[in-house]
Protein backbone atom coordinates (compact mmCIF):
# COMPACT_ATOMS: atom_id res chain seq x y z
CA MET A 1 11.08 2.32 5.01
CA GLU A 2 10.96 4.22 8.19
CA LYS A 3 10.79 2.89 11.69
CA LEU A 4 9.18 5.03 14.38
CA ASP A 5 8.75 3.49 17.84
CA ASN A 6 8.29 0.00 16.44
CA ILE A 7 5.97 1.26 13.71
CA VAL A 8 7.21 0.29 10.21
CA MET A 9 6.03 2.73 7.54
CA TYR A 10 6.39 2.27 3.76
CA SER A 11 6.72 5.17 1.25
CA PRO A 12 5.32 4.77 -2.26
CA GLU A 13 8.81 4.05 -3.56
CA ASP A 14 9.09 1.15 -1.06
CA VAL A 15 5.63 -0.23 -2.10
CA ARG A 16 6.61 0.10 -5.86
CA LYS A 17 9.70 -2.10 -5.16
CA LEU A 18 7.79 -4.62 -2.99
CA LEU A 19 4.97 -5.09 -5.51
CA HIS A 20 6.86 -4.44 -8.67
CA LEU A 21 4.54 -1.66 -9.72
CA GLY A 22 5.10 1.33 -12.00
CA ASN A 23 4.85 4.86 -10.74
CA ALA A 24 1.43 5.55 -12.16
CA LYS A 25 -0.13 2.32 -10.81
CA CYS A 26 1.46 2.91 -7.39
CA LEU A 27 0.00 6.39 -7.24
CA GLU A 28 -3.36 5.09 -8.30
CA LEU A 29 -3.12 2.59 -5.45
CA PHE A 30 -2.16 5.16 -2.85
CA ASN A 31 -5.05 7.42 -4.03
CA SER A 32 -7.70 4.75 -3.97
CA LYS A 33 -10.25 5.01 -1.18
CA ASP A 34 -9.90 1.43 0.11
CA PHE A 35 -5.97 1.63 0.33
CA PRO A 36 -4.88 2.34 4.01
CA SER A 37 -2.44 5.09 3.22
CA ILE A 38 -2.00 8.27 5.20
CA ARG A 39 -0.77 11.59 4.05
CA ILE A 40 1.78 13.42 6.13
CA GLY A 41 2.54 16.87 4.57
CA ARG A 42 3.04 16.20 0.94
CA ALA A 43 4.10 12.52 1.42
CA PHE A 44 2.16 9.33 1.37
CA TRP A 45 2.88 6.50 3.84
CA VAL A 46 1.35 3.15 4.69
CA LYS A 47 1.84 1.15 7.90
CA ALA A 48 3.52 -2.25 7.09
CA ASP A 49 0.85 -4.21 8.97
CA CYS A 50 -1.92 -2.34 7.19
CA LEU A 51 -0.32 -3.03 3.76
CA GLU A 52 -0.08 -6.70 4.79
CA LYS A 53 -3.73 -6.89 5.75
CA PHE A 54 -4.81 -5.00 2.64
CA LEU A 55 -2.94 -7.42 0.38
CA SER A 56 -4.19 -10.50 2.14
CA GLU A 57 -7.84 -9.26 1.84
CA LYS A 58 -7.35 -8.41 -1.84
CA HIS A 59 -5.68 -11.89 -2.53
CA THR A 60 -8.77 -13.45 -1.03
CA LEU A 61 -11.00 -11.28 -3.17
CA ASN A 62 -8.86 -11.84 -6.26
CA ASN A 63 -9.34 -15.66 -5.77
CA GLN A 64 -13.01 -15.05 -6.10
CA ASN A 65 -12.50 -13.46 -9.55
CA GLU A 66 -12.59 -9.82 -8.47
CA GLU A 67 -10.16 -7.19 -9.60
CA MET A 68 -7.34 -6.27 -7.26
CA PHE A 69 -7.40 -2.53 -7.77
C-alpha cells in the first residue's frame, strides 16, 4: 500500500492479501476491462476508493446471481 498526498493505492500483492486471491486470479482481475486499475510503468495499481466502489458494485450484482469476475 502506498500513500501519495492522501491517495491510497494498492498493488496487486495488497489486493491478493485483502481478497485472499491467488496470483493468477488477481492478475486476471487487474487485466479485466471493468476493474479500475491503472498501469504505471510495469506496475499495476488501484486506488483504494475505486477498489471499494468496484467491490460494492460487484457484491450487489453477485446478489442478483451474476458472476463476480
